[in-house]
Amino acid sequence: MNASGARLGAITKELWANWQQTRDSWNDAKSLEFEQKYVLELRASVDRAVTVIDQLDELVAKIRHDCE
């Protein structure tokens, strides 16, 4: 599960880098609105999801250890 969280984080970083490149050529009120409405919200959601995935990974590891 931890690999999934790491992959999700890496893909989101790549998306952010691509968005920054896009902002170089699209820098107006609509791009700012798009960033705030979609891109920043996505980053925040992914950050929360990765935290939960890490917590679930720890819980599963503990359960496996307790069952051995």
N, C-alpha and C. Protein backbone atom coordinates (compact mmCIF):
# COMPACT_ATOMS: atom_id res chain seq x y z
N MET A 1 0.82 -1.19 0.00
CA MET A 1 0.00 0.00 0.00
C MET A 1 0.87 1.26 0.00
N ASN A 2 2.00 1.20 0.70
CA ASN A 2 2.87 2.36 0.80
C ASN A 2 3.40 2.76 -0.57
N ALA A 3 3.64 1.78 -1.43
CA ALA A 3 4.09 2.08 -2.79
C ALA A 3 3.04 2.87 -3.55
N SER A 4 1.78 2.58 -3.29
CA SER A 4 0.70 3.32 -3.95
C SER A 4 0.69 4.78 -3.52
N GLY A 5 0.90 5.01 -2.24
CA GLY A 5 0.96 6.37 -1.74
C GLY A 5 2.13 7.14 -2.32
N ALA A 6 3.27 6.47 -2.41
CA ALA A 6 4.46 7.10 -2.99
C ALA A 6 4.24 7.41 -4.47
N ARG A 7 3.62 6.50 -5.17
CA ARG A 7 3.33 6.70 -6.60
C ARG A 7 2.35 7.87 -6.78
N LEU A 8 1.33 7.90 -5.98
CA LEU A 8 0.35 8.99 -6.04
C LEU A 8 1.04 10.33 -5.78
N GLY A 9 1.90 10.37 -4.79
CA GLY A 9 2.64 11.59 -4.49
C GLY A 9 3.54 12.02 -5.63
N ALA A 10 4.22 11.05 -6.24
CA ALA A 10 5.13 11.36 -7.35
C ALA A 10 4.35 11.87 -8.57
N ILE A 11 3.25 11.26 -8.87
CA ILE A 11 2.43 11.70 -10.01
C ILE A 11 1.90 13.11 -9.77
N THR A 12 1.52 13.39 -8.54
CA THR A 12 1.02 14.72 -8.22
C THR A 12 2.12 15.77 -8.34
N LYS A 13 3.34 15.43 -7.92
CA LYS A 13 4.47 16.35 -8.09
C LYS A 13 4.72 16.62 -9.57
N GLU A 14 4.63 15.57 -10.38
CA GLU A 14 4.80 15.73 -11.83
C GLU A 14 3.71 16.63 -12.41
N LEU A 15 2.48 16.42 -11.98
CA LEU A 15 1.38 17.27 -12.43
C LEU A 15 1.63 18.72 -12.04
N TRP A 16 2.10 18.95 -10.83
CA TRP A 16 2.38 20.31 -10.37
C TRP A 16 3.48 20.96 -11.22
N ALA A 17 4.51 20.20 -11.54
CA ALA A 17 5.59 20.73 -12.39
C ALA A 17 5.05 21.08 -13.77
N ASN A 18 4.20 20.24 -14.32
CA ASN A 18 3.60 20.52 -15.62
C ASN A 18 2.69 21.75 -15.54
N TRP A 19 1.98 21.88 -14.44
CA TRP A 19 1.11 23.04 -14.28
C TRP A 19 1.96 24.32 -14.22
N GLN A 20 3.08 24.27 -13.53
CA GLN A 20 3.95 25.44 -13.45
C GLN A 20 4.45 25.85 -14.84
N GLN A 21 4.75 24.87 -15.67
CA GLN A 21 5.17 25.17 -17.05
C GLN A 21 4.01 25.79 -17.83
N THR A 22 2.82 25.28 -17.62
CA THR A 22 1.64 25.82 -18.29
C THR A 22 1.40 27.27 -17.88
N ARG A 23 1.61 27.55 -16.60
CA ARG A 23 1.40 28.92 -16.11
C ARG A 23 2.37 29.91 -16.76
N ASP A 24 3.49 29.43 -17.27
CA ASP A 24 4.43 30.33 -17.97
C ASP A 24 3.79 30.95 -19.19
N SER A 25 2.90 30.20 -19.85
CA SER A 25 2.26 30.72 -21.06
C SER A 25 0.79 31.08 -20.85
N TRP A 26 0.19 30.60 -19.79
CA TRP A 26 -1.22 30.91 -19.51
C TRP A 26 -1.28 31.52 -18.11
N ASN A 27 -1.17 32.83 -18.08
CA ASN A 27 -1.09 33.51 -16.79
C ASN A 27 -2.06 34.69 -16.78
N ASP A 28 -3.31 34.35 -16.53
CA ASP A 28 -4.34 35.38 -16.45
C ASP A 28 -5.30 35.04 -15.31
N ALA A 29 -6.38 35.76 -15.21
CA ALA A 29 -7.34 35.54 -14.13
C ALA A 29 -7.94 34.13 -14.19
N LYS A 30 -8.20 33.64 -15.40
CA LYS A 30 -8.80 32.30 -15.53
C LYS A 30 -7.81 31.21 -15.10
N SER A 31 -6.54 31.39 -15.41
CA SER A 31 -5.57 30.39 -14.98
C SER A 31 -5.45 30.37 -13.46
N LEU A 32 -5.50 31.53 -12.85
CA LEU A 32 -5.46 31.60 -11.39
C LEU A 32 -6.71 30.95 -10.79
N GLU A 33 -7.86 31.22 -11.39
CA GLU A 33 -9.10 30.59 -10.93
C GLU A 33 -9.02 29.07 -11.07
N PHE A 34 -8.51 28.59 -12.21
CA PHE A 34 -8.36 27.15 -12.43
C PHE A 34 -7.43 26.55 -11.39
N GLU A 35 -6.32 27.22 -11.14
CA GLU A 35 -5.35 26.72 -10.16
C GLU A 35 -5.99 26.59 -8.77
N GLN A 36 -6.68 27.63 -8.36
CA GLN A 36 -7.28 27.62 -7.03
C GLN A 36 -8.42 26.61 -6.92
N LYS A 37 -9.22 26.52 -7.97
CA LYS A 37 -10.39 25.66 -7.93
C LYS A 37 -10.05 24.18 -8.10
N TYR A 38 -9.07 23.88 -8.93
CA TYR A 38 -8.78 22.48 -9.26
C TYR A 38 -7.41 22.01 -8.81
N VAL A 39 -6.38 22.71 -9.22
CA VAL A 39 -5.02 22.21 -8.99
C VAL A 39 -4.67 22.21 -7.51
N LEU A 40 -4.89 23.30 -6.82
CA LEU A 40 -4.56 23.35 -5.40
C LEU A 40 -5.44 22.42 -4.58
N GLU A 41 -6.71 22.32 -4.95
CA GLU A 41 -7.60 21.40 -4.25
C GLU A 41 -7.16 19.95 -4.46
N LEU A 42 -6.73 19.64 -5.67
CA LEU A 42 -6.24 18.29 -5.95
C LEU A 42 -5.00 17.99 -5.11
N ARG A 43 -4.06 18.95 -5.06
CA ARG A 43 -2.86 18.73 -4.25
C ARG A 43 -3.20 18.50 -2.79
N ALA A 44 -4.11 19.28 -2.25
CA ALA A 44 -4.51 19.12 -0.86
C ALA A 44 -5.17 17.76 -0.63
N SER A 45 -6.01 17.35 -1.56
CA SER A 45 -6.69 16.06 -1.44
C SER A 45 -5.70 14.91 -1.51
N VAL A 46 -4.74 15.02 -2.41
CA VAL A 46 -3.72 13.97 -2.53
C VAL A 46 -2.87 13.91 -1.27
N ASP A 47 -2.49 15.06 -0.73
CA ASP A 47 -1.72 15.07 0.51
C ASP A 47 -2.46 14.35 1.63
N ARG A 48 -3.76 14.63 1.74
CA ARG A 48 -4.56 13.95 2.76
C ARG A 48 -4.65 12.44 2.48
N ALA A 49 -4.83 12.09 1.22
CA ALA A 49 -4.95 10.67 0.86
C ALA A 49 -3.65 9.92 1.15
N VAL A 50 -2.52 10.53 0.83
CA VAL A 50 -1.23 9.89 1.08
C VAL A 50 -1.03 9.68 2.58
N THR A 51 -1.44 10.64 3.38
CA THR A 51 -1.34 10.49 4.83
C THR A 51 -2.18 9.31 5.31
N VAL A 52 -3.39 9.20 4.80
CA VAL A 52 -4.27 8.09 5.18
C VAL A 52 -3.70 6.76 4.68
N ILE A 53 -3.18 6.74 3.48
CA ILE A 53 -2.57 5.50 2.95
C ILE A 53 -1.41 5.07 3.83
N ASP A 54 -0.59 6.01 4.26
CA ASP A 54 0.53 5.68 5.16
C ASP A 54 0.02 5.12 6.48
N GLN A 55 -1.03 5.72 7.02
CA GLN A 55 -1.60 5.23 8.27
C GLN A 55 -2.18 3.82 8.10
N LEU A 56 -2.84 3.59 6.98
CA LEU A 56 -3.38 2.25 6.71
C LEU A 56 -2.27 1.23 6.55
N ASP A 57 -1.18 1.62 5.91
CA ASP A 57 -0.04 0.74 5.74
C ASP A 57 0.54 0.33 7.09
N GLU A 58 0.65 1.30 8.00
CA GLU A 58 1.14 0.99 9.35
C GLU A 58 0.18 0.06 10.07
N LEU A 59 -1.11 0.30 9.93
CA LEU A 59 -2.10 -0.54 10.59
C LEU A 59 -2.06 -1.97 10.05
N VAL A 60 -1.97 -2.12 8.75
CA VAL A 60 -1.90 -3.46 8.16
C VAL A 60 -0.63 -4.18 8.62
N ALA A 61 0.48 -3.47 8.69
CA ALA A 61 1.74 -4.07 9.16
C ALA A 61 1.59 -4.54 10.61
N LYS A 62 0.92 -3.73 11.42
CA LYS A 62 0.72 -4.11 12.83
C LYS A 62 -0.18 -5.34 12.93
N ILE A 63 -1.23 -5.35 12.13
CA ILE A 63 -2.15 -6.50 12.15
C ILE A 63 -1.42 -7.77 11.72
N ARG A 64 -0.62 -7.67 10.68
CA ARG A 64 0.16 -8.84 10.23
C ARG A 64 1.09 -9.31 11.33
N HIS A 65 1.75 -8.37 11.98
CA HIS A 65 2.68 -8.73 13.05
C HIS A 65 1.94 -9.39 14.21
N ASP A 66 0.79 -8.86 14.56
CA ASP A 66 0.01 -9.41 15.67
C ASP A 66 -0.54 -10.80 15.34
N CYS A 67 -0.76 -11.09 14.07
CA CYS A 67 -1.32 -12.39 13.68
C CYS A 67 -0.26 -13.48 13.53
N GLU A 68 1.00 -13.07 13.55
CA GLU A 68 2.07 -14.08 13.39
C GLU A 68 2.35 -14.82 14.66
